[in-house]
N, C-alpha and C. Protein backbone atom coordinates (compact mmCIF):
# COMPACT_ATOMS: atom_id res chain seq x y z
N MET A 1 77.68 -112.73 83.38
CA MET A 1 78.32 -112.14 83.05
C MET A 1 79.75 -113.08 83.21
N ARG A 2 79.67 -114.07 83.94
CA ARG A 2 80.53 -115.31 83.81
C ARG A 2 80.64 -115.59 82.33
N LYS A 3 79.07 -115.86 81.97
CA LYS A 3 79.18 -116.74 80.58
C LYS A 3 79.68 -116.25 79.57
N SER A 4 80.00 -115.04 79.70
CA SER A 4 80.33 -114.31 78.57
C SER A 4 81.85 -114.42 78.54
N TYR A 5 82.84 -114.54 79.54
CA TYR A 5 83.60 -114.46 79.95
C TYR A 5 84.40 -115.85 79.33
N TYR A 6 83.61 -116.94 79.79
CA TYR A 6 83.90 -118.40 79.76
C TYR A 6 83.54 -118.60 78.43
N ALA A 7 82.66 -117.92 77.16
CA ALA A 7 82.84 -118.19 75.94
C ALA A 7 83.71 -117.27 75.60
N ALA A 8 84.24 -116.52 75.88
CA ALA A 8 85.36 -115.62 74.92
C ALA A 8 86.23 -116.64 75.05
N HIS A 9 86.56 -117.08 76.28
CA HIS A 9 88.09 -117.99 76.68
C HIS A 9 87.64 -119.13 76.15
N VAL A 10 86.61 -120.03 76.04
CA VAL A 10 86.71 -121.56 74.87
C VAL A 10 86.93 -120.80 73.53
N TYR A 11 86.09 -119.14 73.13
CA TYR A 11 86.89 -118.97 71.51
C TYR A 11 88.09 -119.32 71.19
N MET A 12 88.42 -118.76 72.36
CA MET A 12 90.06 -118.48 71.93
C MET A 12 90.87 -119.71 71.78
N ILE A 13 90.67 -120.36 72.50
CA ILE A 13 91.24 -122.17 72.86
C ILE A 13 91.35 -122.20 70.97
N LEU A 14 89.75 -122.43 71.04
CA LEU A 14 89.63 -123.03 69.43
C LEU A 14 89.70 -122.86 68.25
N GLY A 15 89.91 -121.37 68.15
CA GLY A 15 90.62 -120.38 67.45
C GLY A 15 92.04 -120.88 67.17
N VAL A 16 92.92 -120.67 68.22
CA VAL A 16 94.16 -121.24 67.90
C VAL A 16 94.73 -122.71 68.03
N ILE A 17 93.55 -123.23 68.62
CA ILE A 17 93.72 -125.09 67.67
C ILE A 17 93.57 -124.82 66.31
N SER A 18 92.19 -124.35 65.95
CA SER A 18 91.67 -124.28 64.94
C SER A 18 93.04 -124.07 63.81
N GLY A 19 93.94 -122.39 63.90
CA GLY A 19 94.84 -122.34 63.17
C GLY A 19 95.86 -123.90 63.25
N LEU A 20 96.25 -123.89 64.35
CA LEU A 20 96.95 -124.85 64.45
C LEU A 20 96.42 -126.32 63.65
N TYR A 21 95.50 -126.40 63.35
CA TYR A 21 94.42 -127.91 62.70
C TYR A 21 94.73 -127.12 60.74
N TYR A 22 94.74 -125.97 60.71
CA TYR A 22 94.15 -125.64 59.06
C TYR A 22 96.23 -125.57 58.56
N ARG A 23 97.13 -125.05 59.53
CA ARG A 23 98.70 -124.98 59.19
C ARG A 23 99.10 -126.39 58.73
N GLU A 24 98.91 -127.42 59.77
CA GLU A 24 99.04 -128.89 59.60
C GLU A 24 98.59 -129.75 59.09
N PHE A 25 97.79 -129.59 58.80
CA PHE A 25 96.65 -130.46 57.65
C PHE A 25 96.91 -130.11 56.79
N THR A 26 96.86 -128.71 56.00
CA THR A 26 97.35 -128.57 54.76
C THR A 26 99.44 -128.99 54.49
N LYS A 27 99.99 -128.64 55.58
CA LYS A 27 101.28 -129.12 55.57
C LYS A 27 101.35 -130.33 54.72
N ALA A 28 100.52 -131.42 55.65
CA ALA A 28 100.47 -132.95 56.02
C ALA A 28 100.29 -133.54 54.50
N ASN A 29 98.97 -133.09 53.83
CA ASN A 29 98.66 -132.98 52.77
C ASN A 29 99.21 -132.45 51.33
N ASP A 30 100.22 -131.25 51.52
CA ASP A 30 100.68 -131.13 50.26
C ASP A 30 99.81 -130.04 49.70
N PHE A 31 99.09 -129.34 50.94
CA PHE A 31 97.60 -128.58 50.15
C PHE A 31 98.36 -126.73 50.01
N THR A 32 97.97 -126.17 48.92
CA THR A 32 98.38 -124.77 48.55
C THR A 32 97.39 -124.28 48.37
N GLY A 33 95.86 -124.53 47.87
CA GLY A 33 95.07 -123.79 47.75
C GLY A 33 94.45 -123.46 48.56
N ASP A 34 93.19 -122.85 48.03
CA ASP A 34 92.31 -121.95 49.09
C ASP A 34 91.57 -123.09 49.84
N THR A 35 91.01 -123.17 51.01
CA THR A 35 90.12 -123.70 51.83
C THR A 35 89.51 -122.79 52.90
N GLN A 36 88.40 -123.97 53.24
CA GLN A 36 87.49 -122.89 54.39
C GLN A 36 88.21 -123.26 55.94
N LEU A 37 89.47 -123.91 56.26
CA LEU A 37 89.67 -123.86 56.96
C LEU A 37 90.95 -122.57 57.65
N ALA A 38 91.38 -122.22 56.44
CA ALA A 38 91.62 -120.85 56.65
C ALA A 38 90.65 -119.99 57.77
N LEU A 39 89.31 -120.08 56.93
CA LEU A 39 88.71 -119.16 57.26
C LEU A 39 88.29 -119.40 58.86
N MET A 40 88.11 -120.17 59.89
CA MET A 40 87.21 -121.06 60.05
C MET A 40 88.53 -120.27 61.81
N HIS A 41 89.70 -120.30 61.83
CA HIS A 41 89.96 -119.57 62.85
C HIS A 41 90.04 -118.34 62.97
N THR A 42 90.14 -117.15 61.79
CA THR A 42 89.83 -116.43 61.64
C THR A 42 87.87 -116.07 62.43
N HIS A 43 87.10 -117.01 62.24
CA HIS A 43 85.56 -116.62 62.63
C HIS A 43 85.42 -116.60 63.82
N LEU A 44 86.48 -118.10 64.55
CA LEU A 44 86.15 -118.08 66.06
C LEU A 44 87.00 -117.16 66.89
N LEU A 45 87.95 -116.87 66.32
CA LEU A 45 88.48 -115.87 67.04
C LEU A 45 88.09 -114.06 67.23
N ALA A 46 87.24 -113.49 65.93
CA ALA A 46 86.59 -112.80 65.50
C ALA A 46 85.24 -112.41 66.40
N LEU A 47 84.39 -113.85 65.45
CA LEU A 47 82.88 -113.80 66.22
C LEU A 47 82.52 -114.44 67.63
N GLY A 48 83.54 -115.82 68.19
CA GLY A 48 83.79 -115.84 68.90
C GLY A 48 84.05 -115.12 70.08
N MET A 49 85.86 -114.90 70.17
CA MET A 49 86.73 -114.74 71.25
C MET A 49 86.04 -112.69 71.17
N MET A 50 86.56 -112.56 70.02
CA MET A 50 86.34 -110.84 70.28
C MET A 50 84.81 -110.43 70.74
N GLY A 51 83.94 -110.91 69.84
CA GLY A 51 82.63 -110.91 70.15
C GLY A 51 82.19 -110.72 71.25
N PHE A 52 82.69 -111.69 72.04
CA PHE A 52 81.58 -112.23 73.63
C PHE A 52 82.98 -111.33 74.73
N LEU A 53 83.75 -110.61 73.92
CA LEU A 53 84.76 -109.98 75.03
C LEU A 53 83.56 -108.26 74.84
N ILE A 54 83.11 -108.27 73.65
CA ILE A 54 82.33 -106.54 73.73
C ILE A 54 81.11 -106.89 74.61
N VAL A 55 80.94 -107.75 73.96
CA VAL A 55 79.42 -108.19 74.63
C VAL A 55 79.34 -108.61 76.70
N LEU A 56 80.78 -108.58 76.94
CA LEU A 56 81.09 -108.78 78.16
C LEU A 56 81.64 -107.35 78.80
N ALA A 57 81.91 -106.40 77.75
CA ALA A 57 81.73 -104.87 78.88
C ALA A 57 80.51 -104.34 78.10
N LEU A 58 79.90 -104.40 77.42
CA LEU A 58 79.00 -104.27 77.09
C LEU A 58 77.55 -104.58 78.68
N ASP A 59 78.09 -105.87 78.95
CA ASP A 59 77.57 -106.30 80.01
C ASP A 59 77.65 -105.71 81.02
N LYS A 60 79.20 -105.29 81.27
CA LYS A 60 79.26 -104.64 82.77
C LYS A 60 78.63 -103.35 82.78
N GLN A 61 78.53 -102.54 81.56
CA GLN A 61 77.96 -101.49 81.17
C GLN A 61 76.73 -101.34 81.81
N PHE A 62 75.67 -102.33 80.69
CA PHE A 62 74.21 -102.14 80.81
C PHE A 62 73.50 -103.26 81.38
N THR A 63 74.29 -103.81 81.90
CA THR A 63 73.76 -105.51 83.00
C THR A 63 72.90 -106.17 81.81
N LEU A 64 73.43 -106.53 81.21
CA LEU A 64 72.45 -107.54 80.01
C LEU A 64 72.17 -108.85 80.52
N SER A 65 72.76 -109.69 81.15
CA SER A 65 72.73 -110.75 80.96
C SER A 65 72.06 -110.83 82.16
N GLY A 66 71.52 -112.28 82.62
CA GLY A 66 70.87 -112.34 84.00
C GLY A 66 69.02 -111.85 83.65
N THR A 67 68.99 -111.93 82.27
CA THR A 67 67.21 -111.94 81.22
C THR A 67 67.41 -112.89 80.22
N LYS A 68 65.84 -112.89 79.87
CA LYS A 68 66.00 -114.25 79.03
C LYS A 68 66.27 -114.15 77.68
N LEU A 69 65.67 -112.66 77.36
CA LEU A 69 66.36 -112.27 76.30
C LEU A 69 67.94 -112.42 76.08
N PHE A 70 68.66 -112.48 76.79
CA PHE A 70 70.43 -112.38 76.89
C PHE A 70 70.24 -113.77 76.59
N THR A 71 69.63 -115.16 77.20
CA THR A 71 69.68 -116.28 77.29
C THR A 71 69.55 -116.60 76.07
N TYR A 72 68.30 -116.19 75.31
CA TYR A 72 68.25 -116.54 74.00
C TYR A 72 69.28 -116.32 73.20
N PHE A 73 70.22 -114.54 73.15
CA PHE A 73 70.91 -114.15 72.40
C PHE A 73 71.94 -115.57 72.50
N PHE A 74 72.56 -115.53 73.84
CA PHE A 74 73.62 -116.37 74.26
C PHE A 74 73.55 -117.58 73.24
N TRP A 75 72.09 -118.34 73.69
CA TRP A 75 72.34 -119.94 72.64
C TRP A 75 72.02 -119.73 71.06
N PHE A 76 71.40 -118.65 70.78
CA PHE A 76 71.39 -118.72 69.29
C PHE A 76 72.76 -118.55 68.74
N TYR A 77 73.44 -117.23 69.17
CA TYR A 77 74.79 -116.83 69.03
C TYR A 77 75.79 -118.20 68.61
N ASN A 78 75.73 -118.79 69.80
CA ASN A 78 76.70 -119.85 69.98
C ASN A 78 76.62 -121.09 69.47
N VAL A 79 75.03 -121.51 69.32
CA VAL A 79 74.73 -122.57 68.12
C VAL A 79 75.05 -122.24 66.47
N GLY A 80 75.05 -120.89 66.53
CA GLY A 80 74.84 -120.33 65.15
C GLY A 80 76.31 -120.15 64.42
N ILE A 81 77.56 -119.69 65.69
CA ILE A 81 78.89 -120.10 65.51
C ILE A 81 79.25 -121.48 65.29
N ALA A 82 78.38 -122.46 66.20
CA ALA A 82 79.20 -123.85 66.37
C ALA A 82 78.48 -124.74 65.00
N ILE A 83 77.74 -124.25 64.71
CA ILE A 83 76.90 -124.92 63.07
C ILE A 83 77.90 -124.26 61.88
N THR A 84 78.00 -123.18 61.91
CA THR A 84 79.12 -122.50 60.97
C THR A 84 80.40 -122.86 60.81
N VAL A 85 80.88 -122.73 62.18
CA VAL A 85 82.48 -123.27 62.24
C VAL A 85 82.41 -124.84 62.19
N ALA A 86 81.43 -125.63 62.22
CA ALA A 86 81.79 -126.93 62.18
C ALA A 86 81.21 -127.53 60.78
N MET A 87 80.81 -126.44 59.28
CA MET A 87 80.37 -126.46 58.25
C MET A 87 81.90 -126.30 57.66
N MET A 88 82.63 -125.39 57.92
CA MET A 88 83.99 -124.84 57.56
C MET A 88 84.41 -125.74 57.64
N PHE A 89 84.92 -126.30 59.08
CA PHE A 89 85.52 -127.33 59.03
C PHE A 89 85.55 -129.02 58.30
N VAL A 90 83.97 -129.28 57.67
CA VAL A 90 83.79 -130.32 57.43
C VAL A 90 84.42 -129.94 55.35
N HIS A 91 84.15 -128.67 54.96
CA HIS A 91 84.36 -128.08 53.90
C HIS A 91 85.64 -127.89 53.67
N GLY A 92 86.03 -127.79 54.61
CA GLY A 92 87.84 -127.48 54.44
C GLY A 92 88.34 -128.47 54.32
N THR A 93 88.18 -129.46 55.02
CA THR A 93 88.80 -130.90 55.46
C THR A 93 88.50 -131.80 53.91
N GLU A 94 87.27 -131.57 53.57
CA GLU A 94 86.92 -132.46 52.35
C GLU A 94 87.75 -132.07 51.28
N THR A 95 87.66 -130.24 51.07
CA THR A 95 88.57 -129.70 49.85
C THR A 95 90.19 -129.86 49.90
N VAL A 96 90.74 -129.89 50.95
CA VAL A 96 92.21 -130.49 51.22
C VAL A 96 92.45 -132.13 50.49
N LEU A 97 92.21 -132.71 51.38
CA LEU A 97 91.48 -134.09 50.69
C LEU A 97 91.28 -134.72 48.89
N GLY A 98 90.42 -133.47 48.76
CA GLY A 98 90.23 -133.37 47.45
C GLY A 98 88.75 -134.14 46.86
N ASP A 99 88.06 -134.31 48.07
CA ASP A 99 86.77 -135.10 47.77
C ASP A 99 85.96 -134.07 47.68
N HIS A 100 84.68 -134.83 47.68
CA HIS A 100 83.33 -133.72 46.85
C HIS A 100 82.87 -133.67 48.36
N VAL A 101 82.47 -131.98 48.21
CA VAL A 101 81.60 -131.68 49.66
C VAL A 101 80.11 -131.53 48.95
N PRO A 102 79.70 -131.89 49.91
CA PRO A 102 78.20 -132.39 49.20
C PRO A 102 77.25 -131.07 49.84
N GLU A 103 76.31 -131.02 49.01
CA GLU A 103 75.27 -129.81 48.99
C GLU A 103 74.78 -129.53 50.46
N ALA A 104 74.56 -130.52 50.89
CA ALA A 104 74.07 -130.21 52.11
C ALA A 104 75.05 -129.25 53.38
N VAL A 105 76.57 -129.00 53.24
CA VAL A 105 77.14 -128.53 53.96
C VAL A 105 76.73 -126.81 53.57
N PRO A 106 77.26 -126.28 52.35
CA PRO A 106 76.93 -124.90 52.10
C PRO A 106 75.32 -124.45 53.11
N LEU A 107 74.84 -125.57 52.97
CA LEU A 107 73.25 -125.33 53.05
C LEU A 107 73.01 -125.20 54.95
N THR A 108 73.79 -125.94 55.53
CA THR A 108 73.77 -125.99 56.44
C THR A 108 74.06 -124.74 57.00
N ALA A 109 75.50 -124.70 56.57
CA ALA A 109 76.36 -123.67 56.77
C ALA A 109 75.63 -122.49 57.15
N GLY A 110 74.77 -122.45 55.85
CA GLY A 110 73.62 -121.17 55.75
C GLY A 110 72.37 -120.91 56.99
N LEU A 111 72.37 -122.20 57.55
CA LEU A 111 71.55 -122.39 58.97
C LEU A 111 72.43 -121.32 60.14
N GLY A 112 73.28 -121.70 59.83
CA GLY A 112 74.51 -120.57 61.40
C GLY A 112 74.26 -120.47 61.13
N HIS A 113 74.60 -119.60 59.67
CA HIS A 113 74.45 -117.64 59.78
C HIS A 113 72.83 -117.41 60.04
N ILE A 114 72.23 -117.95 59.44
CA ILE A 114 70.97 -117.33 60.04
C ILE A 114 70.93 -117.37 61.70
N LEU A 115 71.35 -118.32 62.41
CA LEU A 115 71.15 -118.78 63.97
C LEU A 115 72.48 -117.48 64.57
N LEU A 116 73.23 -116.80 63.78
CA LEU A 116 73.56 -115.88 64.47
C LEU A 116 73.27 -114.41 64.29
N THR A 117 72.36 -114.85 62.65
CA THR A 117 71.90 -113.08 63.06
C THR A 117 70.95 -112.98 62.94
N VAL A 118 69.78 -114.24 64.07
CA VAL A 118 68.77 -114.08 64.84
C VAL A 118 69.53 -113.49 66.32
N GLY A 119 70.62 -114.57 66.97
CA GLY A 119 71.02 -114.07 68.09
C GLY A 119 71.75 -112.27 68.14
N LEU A 120 72.10 -112.31 67.10
CA LEU A 120 72.46 -110.34 67.12
C LEU A 120 71.75 -109.90 66.99
N ILE A 121 70.17 -109.77 66.42
CA ILE A 121 68.90 -109.21 66.80
C ILE A 121 68.77 -109.09 68.13
N LEU A 122 68.87 -110.05 68.75
CA LEU A 122 68.40 -110.12 70.13
C LEU A 122 69.05 -109.05 71.01
N LEU A 123 70.31 -109.76 70.94
CA LEU A 123 71.38 -109.14 71.17
C LEU A 123 71.17 -106.64 71.18
N PHE A 124 70.87 -107.08 70.09
CA PHE A 124 70.81 -105.06 69.21
C PHE A 124 68.85 -104.96 70.41
N VAL A 125 67.83 -105.71 70.08
CA VAL A 125 67.08 -105.32 70.44
C VAL A 125 66.94 -105.56 72.29
N LEU A 126 67.91 -106.71 72.58
CA LEU A 126 68.08 -106.27 74.42
C LEU A 126 68.87 -104.95 74.81
N LEU A 127 70.00 -104.64 73.87
CA LEU A 127 70.56 -103.63 74.27
C LEU A 127 69.78 -102.19 74.52
N GLY A 128 68.76 -101.99 72.69
CA GLY A 128 68.20 -101.17 72.83
C GLY A 128 67.08 -100.90 73.86
N LYS A 129 66.51 -102.02 74.89
CA LYS A 129 65.87 -101.89 75.84
C LYS A 129 66.38 -101.26 76.93
N ARG A 130 67.85 -101.81 77.46
CA ARG A 130 68.58 -101.43 78.38
C ARG A 130 68.76 -99.62 77.89
N LEU A 131 69.49 -99.33 77.01
CA LEU A 131 69.51 -97.94 76.65
C LEU A 131 68.32 -96.71 77.06
N ASN A 132 67.19 -97.58 76.39
CA ASN A 132 65.80 -96.33 76.66
C ASN A 132 65.81 -96.63 78.54
N GLU A 133 66.18 -97.61 79.19
CA GLU A 133 66.06 -97.52 80.38
C GLU A 133 66.77 -96.88 81.18
N SER A 134 68.06 -96.65 80.69
CA SER A 134 69.24 -95.80 81.34
C SER A 134 68.51 -94.56 81.06
N ALA A 135 68.06 -93.95 79.90
CA ALA A 135 68.02 -92.53 79.19
C ALA A 135 67.18 -92.20 79.85
N GLY A 136 66.08 -92.95 80.94
CA GLY A 136 64.79 -92.26 81.74
C GLY A 136 65.35 -91.82 82.79
N ALA A 137 66.71 -92.57 83.56
CA ALA A 137 66.85 -92.56 85.04
C ALA A 137 68.54 -91.62 85.12
N GLY A 138 68.79 -91.53 83.94
CA GLY A 138 70.40 -90.90 83.96
C GLY A 138 69.99 -89.33 83.80
N PRO A 139 70.67 -88.94 83.79
CA PRO A 139 70.80 -86.80 83.74
C PRO A 139 70.63 -86.70 82.72
N ALA A 140 70.06 -85.69 82.43
CA ALA A 140 69.56 -85.16 81.51
C ALA A 140 70.96 -84.92 80.10
N GLU A 141 70.42 -84.96 79.03
CA GLU A 141 70.76 -84.80 77.75
C GLU A 141 72.19 -83.54 78.23
N PRO A 142 73.31 -83.58 77.47
CA PRO A 142 74.02 -82.13 77.60
C PRO A 142 73.07 -81.15 76.60
N GLU A 143 72.28 -81.42 75.71
CA GLU A 143 71.41 -80.36 74.57
C GLU A 143 70.51 -79.94 75.86
N GLN A 144 69.76 -80.65 76.75
CA GLN A 144 68.75 -80.43 77.35
C GLN A 144 69.28 -79.91 78.42
N GLU A 145 70.30 -80.14 78.94
CA GLU A 145 71.06 -79.11 79.92
C GLU A 145 70.97 -77.26 79.83
N LYS A 146 71.78 -77.32 78.60
CA LYS A 146 72.16 -76.13 77.94
C LYS A 146 70.72 -75.51 77.62
N GLU A 147 69.47 -75.66 77.04
CA GLU A 147 68.49 -75.42 77.07
C GLU A 147 68.12 -74.81 78.17
N THR A 148 67.68 -75.82 78.94
CA THR A 148 67.04 -75.01 80.74
C THR A 148 67.80 -73.95 80.76
N ALA A 149 69.52 -73.98 80.73
CA ALA A 149 70.54 -72.75 81.05
C ALA A 149 70.11 -71.70 80.69
N LYS A 150 69.85 -71.49 79.73
CA LYS A 150 69.68 -70.43 78.80
C LYS A 150 68.07 -69.81 78.73
N SER A 151 66.96 -70.20 79.31
CA SER A 151 65.57 -70.30 79.44
C SER A 151 65.70 -69.49 80.90
N PRO A 152 65.13 -68.11 80.82
CA PRO A 152 64.61 -67.63 82.07
C PRO A 152 63.95 -68.48 83.00
N ALA A 153 64.39 -67.98 84.05
CA ALA A 153 63.15 -69.10 85.28
C ALA A 153 62.20 -68.09 85.98
């Protein structure tokens, strides 16, 4: 669980720093147009910080960490965010400077999104397994309790 907490904390710090970078870099270059730098801040806070705070809560409830599947999720998801945000940084900085953005940048960002998707799929597979395990061990569903109460013994 600590891994998720530390990841959320790091993404919070990076999100705030990226927002500061966006504001100061565009101001220093007298740039007023659209740039990927504006989205970088949100991606880090939403996908990074909020995502891992949600994972932390799910981990507390369903004991997700400590499994191979969680480790795979953790690394695929983090590498996906890192690649995506790095390409947003490059693309946004090049845009503000008025330079040409190489075609490899959006292609590499696409790879980051693919890794993010794989990470999310792994998380849902793990969560589904934990839900199935807890359903077999827990109390009966409310509908089942009502049916057994109505049927004569």
